[in-house]
Amino acid sequence: MPQAVGVIQTVGFPPVLAAADAMVKAGAVTLVYYGLAERAEFLVAVRGHVSEVTRAVEAGVKAGEETPGGIVVSHYIVPNPPENVESVLPIHFTEEVEDFRFSL
């Protein structure tokens, strides 16, 4: 069953760390990607059911913005990414995250 993907992009490391922490605590999601975007911007991506990803992204945005000096540049949710998107973007479940994969 396809799962949604939610992404948050922040300026600096502390807000993305706070966002990632809040996301995995707020919803039944699996963190599938974390990385450096550009210009000291970081991003974090989670996968799960649409309702869980929505709840997680909301919590992540709030946590990122509440971090001292935290700036959330953008955030978005893709409810059902097609396989060709998964094949070119780092949003698939890898062996590294498989042990932590949350399934309902």
PDB file of N, CA and C in Angstrom:
ATOM      1  N   MET A   1       0.839  -1.184   0.000  1.00  0.00           N
ATOM      2  CA  MET A   1       0.000   0.000   0.000  1.00  0.00           C
ATOM      3  C   MET A   1       0.880   1.243   0.000  1.00  0.00           C
ATOM      4  N   PRO A   2       0.668   2.161  -0.927  1.00  0.00           N
ATOM      5  CA  PRO A   2       1.476   3.381  -0.981  1.00  0.00           C
ATOM      6  C   PRO A   2       1.302   4.203   0.288  1.00  0.00           C
ATOM      7  N   GLN A   3       2.379   4.830   0.683  1.00  0.00           N
ATOM      8  CA  GLN A   3       2.330   5.655   1.880  1.00  0.00           C
ATOM      9  C   GLN A   3       2.732   7.074   1.547  1.00  0.00           C
ATOM     10  N   ALA A   4       2.131   8.010   2.270  1.00  0.00           N
ATOM     11  CA  ALA A   4       2.414   9.423   2.058  1.00  0.00           C
ATOM     12  C   ALA A   4       3.845   9.737   2.475  1.00  0.00           C
ATOM     13  N   VAL A   5       4.334  10.848   1.963  1.00  0.00           N
ATOM     14  CA  VAL A   5       5.633  11.364   2.378  1.00  0.00           C
ATOM     15  C   VAL A   5       5.427  12.806   2.839  1.00  0.00           C
ATOM     16  N   GLY A   6       6.062  13.148   3.943  1.00  0.00           N
ATOM     17  CA  GLY A   6       6.006  14.512   4.464  1.00  0.00           C
ATOM     18  C   GLY A   6       7.420  15.036   4.624  1.00  0.00           C
ATOM     19  N   VAL A   7       7.657  16.269   4.191  1.00  0.00           N
ATOM     20  CA  VAL A   7       8.998  16.847   4.213  1.00  0.00           C
ATOM     21  C   VAL A   7       8.958  18.218   4.871  1.00  0.00           C
ATOM     22  N   ILE A   8       9.960  18.484   5.696  1.00  0.00           N
ATOM     23  CA  ILE A   8      10.136  19.809   6.298  1.00  0.00           C
ATOM     24  C   ILE A   8      11.548  20.271   6.000  1.00  0.00           C
ATOM     25  N   GLN A   9      11.672  21.535   5.580  1.00  0.00           N
ATOM     26  CA  GLN A   9      12.973  22.129   5.294  1.00  0.00           C
ATOM     27  C   GLN A   9      13.159  23.328   6.216  1.00  0.00           C
ATOM     28  N   THR A  10      14.329  23.387   6.876  1.00  0.00           N
ATOM     29  CA  THR A  10      14.600  24.454   7.836  1.00  0.00           C
ATOM     30  C   THR A  10      15.938  25.125   7.538  1.00  0.00           C
ATOM     31  N   VAL A  11      16.136  26.268   8.152  1.00  0.00           N
ATOM     32  CA  VAL A  11      17.432  26.937   8.116  1.00  0.00           C
ATOM     33  C   VAL A  11      18.161  26.519   9.386  1.00  0.00           C
ATOM     34  N   GLY A  12      19.308  25.869   9.228  1.00  0.00           N
ATOM     35  CA  GLY A  12      20.103  25.446  10.370  1.00  0.00           C
ATOM     36  C   GLY A  12      19.730  24.076  10.890  1.00  0.00           C
ATOM     37  N   PHE A  13      20.639  23.521  11.691  1.00  0.00           N
ATOM     38  CA  PHE A  13      20.458  22.173  12.210  1.00  0.00           C
ATOM     39  C   PHE A  13      19.493  22.062  13.393  1.00  0.00           C
ATOM     40  N   PRO A  14      19.550  22.953  14.399  1.00  0.00           N
ATOM     41  CA  PRO A  14      18.675  22.771  15.563  1.00  0.00           C
ATOM     42  C   PRO A  14      17.181  22.667  15.214  1.00  0.00           C
ATOM     43  N   PRO A  15      16.650  23.508  14.318  1.00  0.00           N
ATOM     44  CA  PRO A  15      15.221  23.364  14.025  1.00  0.00           C
ATOM     45  C   PRO A  15      14.869  22.065  13.293  1.00  0.00           C
ATOM     46  N   VAL A  16      15.759  21.542  12.447  1.00  0.00           N
ATOM     47  CA  VAL A  16      15.436  20.290  11.763  1.00  0.00           C
ATOM     48  C   VAL A  16      15.505  19.124  12.734  1.00  0.00           C
ATOM     49  N   LEU A  17      16.403  19.200  13.698  1.00  0.00           N
ATOM     50  CA  LEU A  17      16.472  18.161  14.721  1.00  0.00           C
ATOM     51  C   LEU A  17      15.203  18.170  15.566  1.00  0.00           C
ATOM     52  N   ALA A  18      14.761  19.351  15.969  1.00  0.00           N
ATOM     53  CA  ALA A  18      13.529  19.468  16.752  1.00  0.00           C
ATOM     54  C   ALA A  18      12.332  18.987  15.936  1.00  0.00           C
ATOM     55  N   ALA A  19      12.311  19.329  14.654  1.00  0.00           N
ATOM     56  CA  ALA A  19      11.214  18.897  13.787  1.00  0.00           C
ATOM     57  C   ALA A  19      11.188  17.386  13.641  1.00  0.00           C
ATOM     58  N   ALA A  20      12.341  16.770  13.406  1.00  0.00           N
ATOM     59  CA  ALA A  20      12.409  15.316  13.248  1.00  0.00           C
ATOM     60  C   ALA A  20      11.953  14.619  14.523  1.00  0.00           C
ATOM     61  N   ASP A  21      12.398  15.108  15.653  1.00  0.00           N
ATOM     62  CA  ASP A  21      12.013  14.525  16.934  1.00  0.00           C
ATOM     63  C   ASP A  21      10.502  14.606  17.136  1.00  0.00           C
ATOM     64  N   ALA A  22       9.941  15.779  16.879  1.00  0.00           N
ATOM     65  CA  ALA A  22       8.499  15.967  17.054  1.00  0.00           C
ATOM     66  C   ALA A  22       7.701  15.119  16.069  1.00  0.00           C
ATOM     67  N   MET A  23       8.199  14.969  14.855  1.00  0.00           N
ATOM     68  CA  MET A  23       7.473  14.207  13.841  1.00  0.00           C
ATOM     69  C   MET A  23       7.327  12.741  14.232  1.00  0.00           C
ATOM     70  N   VAL A  24       8.426  12.128  14.662  1.00  0.00           N
ATOM     71  CA  VAL A  24       8.351  10.695  14.978  1.00  0.00           C
ATOM     72  C   VAL A  24       7.608  10.438  16.289  1.00  0.00           C
ATOM     73  N   LYS A  25       7.496  11.456  17.129  1.00  0.00           N
ATOM     74  CA  LYS A  25       6.748  11.306  18.370  1.00  0.00           C
ATOM     75  C   LYS A  25       5.262  11.594  18.180  1.00  0.00           C
ATOM     76  N   ALA A  26       4.907  12.413  17.196  1.00  0.00           N
ATOM     77  CA  ALA A  26       3.522  12.841  17.021  1.00  0.00           C
ATOM     78  C   ALA A  26       2.682  11.885  16.195  1.00  0.00           C
ATOM     79  N   GLY A  27       3.305  11.132  15.323  1.00  0.00           N
ATOM     80  CA  GLY A  27       2.528  10.257  14.454  1.00  0.00           C
ATOM     81  C   GLY A  27       3.217   8.932  14.234  1.00  0.00           C
ATOM     82  N   ALA A  28       2.463   7.980  13.747  1.00  0.00           N
ATOM     83  CA  ALA A  28       3.000   6.655  13.431  1.00  0.00           C
ATOM     84  C   ALA A  28       3.688   6.727  12.073  1.00  0.00           C
ATOM     85  N   VAL A  29       4.886   7.312  12.078  1.00  0.00           N
ATOM     86  CA  VAL A  29       5.644   7.531  10.847  1.00  0.00           C
ATOM     87  C   VAL A  29       7.056   6.988  11.003  1.00  0.00           C
ATOM     88  N   THR A  30       7.714   6.801   9.871  1.00  0.00           N
ATOM     89  CA  THR A  30       9.105   6.360   9.845  1.00  0.00           C
ATOM     90  C   THR A  30       9.939   7.441   9.187  1.00  0.00           C
ATOM     91  N   LEU A  31      11.006   7.852   9.850  1.00  0.00           N
ATOM     92  CA  LEU A  31      11.924   8.818   9.272  1.00  0.00           C
ATOM     93  C   LEU A  31      12.730   8.106   8.191  1.00  0.00           C
ATOM     94  N   VAL A  32      12.600   8.556   6.939  1.00  0.00           N
ATOM     95  CA  VAL A  32      13.266   7.871   5.830  1.00  0.00           C
ATOM     96  C   VAL A  32      14.424   8.661   5.236  1.00  0.00           C
ATOM     97  N   TYR A  33      14.486   9.969   5.506  1.00  0.00           N
ATOM     98  CA  TYR A  33      15.570  10.754   4.936  1.00  0.00           C
ATOM     99  C   TYR A  33      15.846  11.973   5.790  1.00  0.00           C
ATOM    100  N   TYR A  34      17.117  12.291   5.890  1.00  0.00           N
ATOM    101  CA  TYR A  34      17.577  13.512   6.524  1.00  0.00           C
ATOM    102  C   TYR A  34      18.770  13.966   5.712  1.00  0.00           C
ATOM    103  N   GLY A  35      18.857  15.245   5.412  1.00  0.00           N
ATOM    104  CA  GLY A  35      20.012  15.689   4.644  1.00  0.00           C
ATOM    105  C   GLY A  35      20.133  17.193   4.570  1.00  0.00           C
ATOM    106  N   LEU A  36      21.248  17.606   4.001  1.00  0.00           N
ATOM    107  CA  LEU A  36      21.559  19.010   3.786  1.00  0.00           C
ATOM    108  C   LEU A  36      21.012  19.409   2.427  1.00  0.00           C
ATOM    109  N   ALA A  37      20.221  20.468   2.398  1.00  0.00           N
ATOM    110  CA  ALA A  37      19.661  20.943   1.129  1.00  0.00           C
ATOM    111  C   ALA A  37      20.689  21.862   0.463  1.00  0.00           C
ATOM    112  N   GLU A  38      20.745  23.085   0.864  1.00  0.00           N
ATOM    113  CA  GLU A  38      21.750  24.041   0.407  1.00  0.00           C
ATOM    114  C   GLU A  38      21.637  25.289   1.258  1.00  0.00           C
ATOM    115  N   ARG A  39      22.638  26.122   1.214  1.00  0.00           N
ATOM    116  CA  ARG A  39      22.656  27.366   1.984  1.00  0.00           C
ATOM    117  C   ARG A  39      22.330  27.148   3.458  1.00  0.00           C
ATOM    118  N   ALA A  40      22.915  26.125   4.054  1.00  0.00           N
ATOM    119  CA  ALA A  40      22.702  25.787   5.465  1.00  0.00           C
ATOM    120  C   ALA A  40      21.255  25.423   5.755  1.00  0.00           C
ATOM    121  N   GLU A  41      20.558  24.933   4.739  1.00  0.00           N
ATOM    122  CA  GLU A  41      19.187  24.463   4.928  1.00  0.00           C
ATOM    123  C   GLU A  41      19.195  22.939   4.998  1.00  0.00           C
ATOM    124  N   PHE A  42      18.418  22.411   5.903  1.00  0.00           N
ATOM    125  CA  PHE A  42      18.324  20.973   6.111  1.00  0.00           C
ATOM    126  C   PHE A  42      16.906  20.519   5.830  1.00  0.00           C
ATOM    127  N   LEU A  43      16.769  19.241   5.496  1.00  0.00           N
ATOM    128  CA  LEU A  43      15.429  18.704   5.331  1.00  0.00           C
ATOM    129  C   LEU A  43      15.326  17.324   5.926  1.00  0.00           C
ATOM    130  N   VAL A  44      14.108  16.993   6.320  1.00  0.00           N
ATOM    131  CA  VAL A  44      13.814  15.700   6.918  1.00  0.00           C
ATOM    132  C   VAL A  44      12.523  15.200   6.270  1.00  0.00           C
ATOM    133  N   ALA A  45      12.474  13.889   5.987  1.00  0.00           N
ATOM    134  CA  ALA A  45      11.299  13.292   5.354  1.00  0.00           C
ATOM    135  C   ALA A  45      10.830  12.088   6.152  1.00  0.00           C
ATOM    136  N   VAL A  46       9.516  11.956   6.265  1.00  0.00           N
ATOM    137  CA  VAL A  46       8.907  10.809   6.936  1.00  0.00           C
ATOM    138  C   VAL A  46       7.891  10.166   6.007  1.00  0.00           C
ATOM    139  N   ARG A  47       7.614   8.879   6.254  1.00  0.00           N
ATOM    140  CA  ARG A  47       6.604   8.142   5.487  1.00  0.00           C
ATOM    141  C   ARG A  47       5.614   7.522   6.454  1.00  0.00           C
ATOM    142  N   GLY A  48       4.401   7.354   5.994  1.00  0.00           N
ATOM    143  CA  GLY A  48       3.351   6.714   6.783  1.00  0.00           C
ATOM    144  C   GLY A  48       2.007   6.957   6.133  1.00  0.00           C
ATOM    145  N   HIS A  49       0.946   6.603   6.848  1.00  0.00           N
ATOM    146  CA  HIS A  49      -0.398   6.867   6.343  1.00  0.00           C
ATOM    147  C   HIS A  49      -0.633   8.378   6.307  1.00  0.00           C
ATOM    148  N   VAL A  50      -1.481   8.825   5.398  1.00  0.00           N
ATOM    149  CA  VAL A  50      -1.689  10.260   5.186  1.00  0.00           C
ATOM    150  C   VAL A  50      -2.044  10.979   6.484  1.00  0.00           C
ATOM    151  N   SER A  51      -2.960  10.435   7.257  1.00  0.00           N
ATOM    152  CA  SER A  51      -3.374  11.108   8.496  1.00  0.00           C
ATOM    153  C   SER A  51      -2.221  11.206   9.488  1.00  0.00           C
ATOM    154  N   GLU A  52      -1.409  10.176   9.557  1.00  0.00           N
ATOM    155  CA  GLU A  52      -0.267  10.190  10.471  1.00  0.00           C
ATOM    156  C   GLU A  52       0.807  11.166  10.008  1.00  0.00           C
ATOM    157  N   VAL A  53       1.064  11.192   8.713  1.00  0.00           N
ATOM    158  CA  VAL A  53       2.064  12.115   8.166  1.00  0.00           C
ATOM    159  C   VAL A  53       1.599  13.553   8.355  1.00  0.00           C
ATOM    160  N   THR A  54       0.319  13.803   8.147  1.00  0.00           N
ATOM    161  CA  THR A  54      -0.220  15.149   8.340  1.00  0.00           C
ATOM    162  C   THR A  54      -0.014  15.609   9.781  1.00  0.00           C
ATOM    163  N   ARG A  55      -0.360  14.751  10.726  1.00  0.00           N
ATOM    164  CA  ARG A  55      -0.182  15.077  12.147  1.00  0.00           C
ATOM    165  C   ARG A  55       1.311  15.292  12.458  1.00  0.00           C
ATOM    166  N   ALA A  56       2.169  14.434  11.908  1.00  0.00           N
ATOM    167  CA  ALA A  56       3.604  14.538  12.170  1.00  0.00           C
ATOM    168  C   ALA A  56       4.190  15.827  11.606  1.00  0.00           C
ATOM    169  N   VAL A  57       3.801  16.182  10.392  1.00  0.00           N
ATOM    170  CA  VAL A  57       4.338  17.406   9.776  1.00  0.00           C
ATOM    171  C   VAL A  57       3.868  18.639  10.546  1.00  0.00           C
ATOM    172  N   GLU A  58       2.617  18.653  10.967  1.00  0.00           N
ATOM    173  CA  GLU A  58       2.128  19.787  11.770  1.00  0.00           C
ATOM    174  C   GLU A  58       2.956  19.950  13.039  1.00  0.00           C
ATOM    175  N   ALA A  59       3.215  18.839  13.718  1.00  0.00           N
ATOM    176  CA  ALA A  59       4.016  18.898  14.949  1.00  0.00           C
ATOM    177  C   ALA A  59       5.453  19.302  14.649  1.00  0.00           C
ATOM    178  N   GLY A  60       6.007  18.809  13.545  1.00  0.00           N
ATOM    179  CA  GLY A  60       7.376  19.146  13.168  1.00  0.00           C
ATOM    180  C   GLY A  60       7.548  20.613  12.824  1.00  0.00           C
ATOM    181  N   VAL A  61       6.588  21.163  12.095  1.00  0.00           N
ATOM    182  CA  VAL A  61       6.647  22.589  11.753  1.00  0.00           C
ATOM    183  C   VAL A  61       6.584  23.433  13.017  1.00  0.00           C
ATOM    184  N   LYS A  62       5.685  23.080  13.917  1.00  0.00           N
ATOM    185  CA  LYS A  62       5.558  23.831  15.181  1.00  0.00           C
ATOM    186  C   LYS A  62       6.851  23.767  15.977  1.00  0.00           C
ATOM    187  N   ALA A  63       7.428  22.570  16.099  1.00  0.00           N
ATOM    188  CA  ALA A  63       8.674  22.418  16.860  1.00  0.00           C
ATOM    189  C   ALA A  63       9.821  23.176  16.205  1.00  0.00           C
ATOM    190  N   GLY A  64       9.916  23.126  14.891  1.00  0.00           N
ATOM    191  CA  GLY A  64      10.977  23.840  14.186  1.00  0.00           C
ATOM    192  C   GLY A  64      10.876  25.339  14.368  1.00  0.00           C
ATOM    193  N   GLU A  65       9.650  25.855  14.330  1.00  0.00           N
ATOM    194  CA  GLU A  65       9.442  27.291  14.492  1.00  0.00           C
ATOM    195  C   GLU A  65       9.657  27.744  15.930  1.00  0.00           C
ATOM    196  N   GLU A  66       9.404  26.854  16.890  1.00  0.00           N
ATOM    197  CA  GLU A  66       9.577  27.217  18.299  1.00  0.00           C
ATOM    198  C   GLU A  66      11.026  27.102  18.761  1.00  0.00           C
ATOM    199  N   THR A  67      11.887  26.500  17.969  1.00  0.00           N
ATOM    200  CA  THR A  67      13.302  26.406  18.307  1.00  0.00           C
ATOM    201  C   THR A  67      13.902  27.814  18.243  1.00  0.00           C
ATOM    202  N   PRO A  68      14.677  28.214  19.244  1.00  0.00           N
ATOM    203  CA  PRO A  68      15.270  29.561  19.197  1.00  0.00           C
ATOM    204  C   PRO A  68      16.025  29.790  17.887  1.00  0.00           C
ATOM    205  N   GLY A  69      15.623  30.818  17.178  1.00  0.00           N
ATOM    206  CA  GLY A  69      16.216  31.134  15.884  1.00  0.00           C
ATOM    207  C   GLY A  69      15.744  30.232  14.763  1.00  0.00           C
ATOM    208  N   GLY A  70      14.795  29.353  15.042  1.00  0.00           N
ATOM    209  CA  GLY A  70      14.332  28.377  14.057  1.00  0.00           C
ATOM    210  C   GLY A  70      13.497  28.995  12.952  1.00  0.00           C
ATOM    211  N   ILE A  71      13.823  28.625  11.734  1.00  0.00           N
ATOM    212  CA  ILE A  71      13.067  29.080  10.577  1.00  0.00           C
ATOM    213  C   ILE A  71      12.696  27.858   9.751  1.00  0.00           C
ATOM    214  N   VAL A  72      11.405  27.654   9.547  1.00  0.00           N
ATOM    215  CA  VAL A  72      10.934  26.597   8.657  1.00  0.00           C
ATOM    216  C   VAL A  72      10.757  27.231   7.289  1.00  0.00           C
ATOM    217  N   VAL A  73      11.554  26.786   6.326  1.00  0.00           N
ATOM    218  CA  VAL A  73      11.524  27.359   4.983  1.00  0.00           C
ATOM    219  C   VAL A  73      10.308  26.859   4.214  1.00  0.00           C
ATOM    220  N   SER A  74      10.075  25.556   4.275  1.00  0.00           N
ATOM    221  CA  SER A  74       8.925  24.984   3.580  1.00  0.00           C
ATOM    222  C   SER A  74       8.579  23.637   4.176  1.00  0.00           C
ATOM    223  N   HIS A  75       7.393  23.209   3.878  1.00  0.00           N
ATOM    224  CA  HIS A  75       6.950  21.876   4.265  1.00  0.00           C
ATOM    225  C   HIS A  75       5.859  21.445   3.284  1.00  0.00           C
ATOM    226  N   TYR A  76       5.772  20.159   3.060  1.00  0.00           N
ATOM    227  CA  TYR A  76       4.736  19.664   2.160  1.00  0.00           C
ATOM    228  C   TYR A  76       4.481  18.188   2.417  1.00  0.00           C
ATOM    229  N   ILE A  77       3.327  17.755   1.953  1.00  0.00           N
ATOM    230  CA  ILE A  77       2.918  16.361   2.076  1.00  0.00           C
ATOM    231  C   ILE A  77       2.480  15.890   0.698  1.00  0.00           C
ATOM    232  N   VAL A  78       2.992  14.744   0.285  1.00  0.00           N
ATOM    233  CA  VAL A  78       2.556  14.115  -0.963  1.00  0.00           C
ATOM    234  C   VAL A  78       1.803  12.854  -0.537  1.00  0.00           C
ATOM    235  N   PRO A  79       0.476  12.838  -0.715  1.00  0.00           N
ATOM    236  CA  PRO A  79      -0.333  11.734  -0.200  1.00  0.00           C
ATOM    237  C   PRO A  79      -0.025  10.369  -0.806  1.00  0.00           C
ATOM    238  N   ASN A  80       0.315  10.305  -2.053  1.00  0.00           N
ATOM    239  CA  ASN A  80       0.508   9.011  -2.699  1.00  0.00           C
ATOM    240  C   ASN A  80       1.563   9.136  -3.797  1.00  0.00           C
ATOM    241  N   PRO A  81       2.837   9.226  -3.435  1.00  0.00           N
ATOM    242  CA  PRO A  81       3.859   9.404  -4.470  1.00  0.00           C
ATOM    243  C   PRO A  81       3.945   8.169  -5.374  1.00  0.00           C
ATOM    244  N   PRO A  82       3.978   8.376  -6.688  1.00  0.00           N
ATOM    245  CA  PRO A  82       4.085   7.239  -7.599  1.00  0.00           C
ATOM    246  C   PRO A  82       5.463   6.584  -7.523  1.00  0.00           C
ATOM    247  N   GLU A  83       5.543   5.367  -8.007  1.00  0.00           N
ATOM    248  CA  GLU A  83       6.793   4.606  -7.928  1.00  0.00           C
ATOM    249  C   GLU A  83       7.953   5.311  -8.621  1.00  0.00           C
ATOM    250  N   ASN A  84       7.682   6.006  -9.732  1.00  0.00           N
ATOM    251  CA  ASN A  84       8.792   6.660 -10.421  1.00  0.00           C
ATOM    252  C   ASN A  84       9.377   7.803  -9.597  1.00  0.00           C
ATOM    253  N   VAL A  85       8.584   8.428  -8.745  1.00  0.00           N
ATOM    254  CA  VAL A  85       9.106   9.455  -7.842  1.00  0.00           C
ATOM    255  C   VAL A  85       9.974   8.793  -6.782  1.00  0.00           C
ATOM    256  N   GLU A  86       9.498   7.671  -6.247  1.00  0.00           N
ATOM    257  CA  GLU A  86      10.276   6.951  -5.244  1.00  0.00           C
ATOM    258  C   GLU A  86      11.603   6.451  -5.798  1.00  0.00           C
ATOM    259  N   SER A  87      11.646   6.150  -7.079  1.00  0.00           N
ATOM    260  CA  SER A  87      12.878   5.608  -7.655  1.00  0.00           C
ATOM    261  C   SER A  87      13.966   6.669  -7.830  1.00  0.00           C
ATOM    262  N   VAL A  88      13.594   7.944  -7.894  1.00  0.00           N
ATOM    263  CA  VAL A  88      14.617   8.982  -8.111  1.00  0.00           C
ATOM    264  C   VAL A  88      14.854   9.870  -6.896  1.00  0.00           C
ATOM    265  N   LEU A  89      13.957   9.853  -5.948  1.00  0.00           N
ATOM    266  CA  LEU A  89      14.141  10.651  -4.743  1.00  0.00           C
ATOM    267  C   LEU A  89      14.413   9.736  -3.554  1.00  0.00           C
ATOM    268  N   PRO A  90      15.152  10.204  -2.573  1.00  0.00           N
ATOM    269  CA  PRO A  90      15.503   9.362  -1.418  1.00  0.00           C
ATOM    270  C   PRO A  90      14.382   9.281  -0.381  1.00  0.00           C
ATOM    271  N   ILE A  91      13.212   8.802  -0.802  1.00  0.00           N
ATOM    272  CA  ILE A  91      12.076   8.734   0.121  1.00  0.00           C
ATOM    273  C   ILE A  91      11.587   7.305   0.325  1.00  0.00           C
ATOM    274  N   HIS A  92      12.333   6.337  -0.142  1.00  0.00           N
ATOM    275  CA  HIS A  92      11.906   4.946  -0.005  1.00  0.00           C
ATOM    276  C   HIS A  92      12.431   4.353   1.307  1.00  0.00           C
ATOM    277  N   PHE A  93      11.843   3.253   1.688  1.00  0.00           N
ATOM    278  CA  PHE A  93      12.289   2.569   2.896  1.00  0.00           C
ATOM    279  C   PHE A  93      13.568   1.798   2.575  1.00  0.00           C
ATOM    280  N   THR A  94      14.653   2.134   3.256  1.00  0.00           N
ATOM    281  CA  THR A  94      15.931   1.473   3.034  1.00  0.00           C
ATOM    282  C   THR A  94      16.170   0.440   4.129  1.00  0.00           C
ATOM    283  N   GLU A  95      17.228  -0.332   3.965  1.00  0.00           N
ATOM    284  CA  GLU A  95      17.573  -1.317   4.996  1.00  0.00           C
ATOM    285  C   GLU A  95      17.871  -0.632   6.322  1.00  0.00           C
ATOM    286  N   GLU A  96      18.437   0.590   6.267  1.00  0.00           N
ATOM    287  CA  GLU A  96      18.762   1.327   7.486  1.00  0.00           C
ATOM    288  C   GLU A  96      17.525   1.626   8.326  1.00  0.00           C
ATOM    289  N   VAL A  97      16.398   1.919   7.666  1.00  0.00           N
ATOM    290  CA  VAL A  97      15.195   2.315   8.400  1.00  0.00           C
ATOM    291  C   VAL A  97      14.200   1.168   8.545  1.00  0.00           C
ATOM    292  N   GLU A  98      14.424   0.073   7.872  1.00  0.00           N
ATOM    293  CA  GLU A  98      13.458  -1.025   7.891  1.00  0.00           C
ATOM    294  C   GLU A  98      13.176  -1.536   9.306  1.00  0.00           C
ATOM    295  N   ASP A  99      14.186  -1.602  10.155  1.00  0.00           N
ATOM    296  CA  ASP A  99      13.988  -2.046  11.526  1.00  0.00           C
ATOM    297  C   ASP A  99      13.088  -1.088  12.326  1.00  0.00           C
ATOM    298  N   PHE A 100      13.002   0.159  11.892  1.00  0.00           N
ATOM    299  CA  PHE A 100      12.238   1.159  12.596  1.00  0.00           C
ATOM    300  C   PHE A 100      10.917   1.469  11.898  1.00  0.00           C
ATOM    301  N   ARG A 101      10.628   0.760  10.843  1.00  0.00           N
ATOM    302  CA  ARG A 101       9.430   1.016  10.050  1.00  0.00           C
ATOM    303  C   ARG A 101       8.185   0.809  10.895  1.00  0.00           C
ATOM    304  N   PHE A 102       7.329   1.794  10.862  1.00  0.00           N
ATOM    305  CA  PHE A 102       6.101   1.733  11.635  1.00  0.00           C
ATOM    306  C   PHE A 102       4.983   1.303  10.713  1.00  0.00           C
ATOM    307  N   SER A 103       4.285   0.257  11.065  1.00  0.00           N
ATOM    308  CA  SER A 103       3.153  -0.184  10.264  1.00  0.00           C
ATOM    309  C   SER A 103       1.971  -0.439  11.172  1.00  0.00           C
ATOM    310  N   LEU A 104       0.820  -0.047  10.713  1.00  0.00           N
ATOM    311  CA  LEU A 104      -0.404  -0.243  11.498  1.00  0.00           C
ATOM    312  C   LEU A 104      -1.081  -1.522  11.111  1.00  0.00           C
TER     313      LEU A 104
END
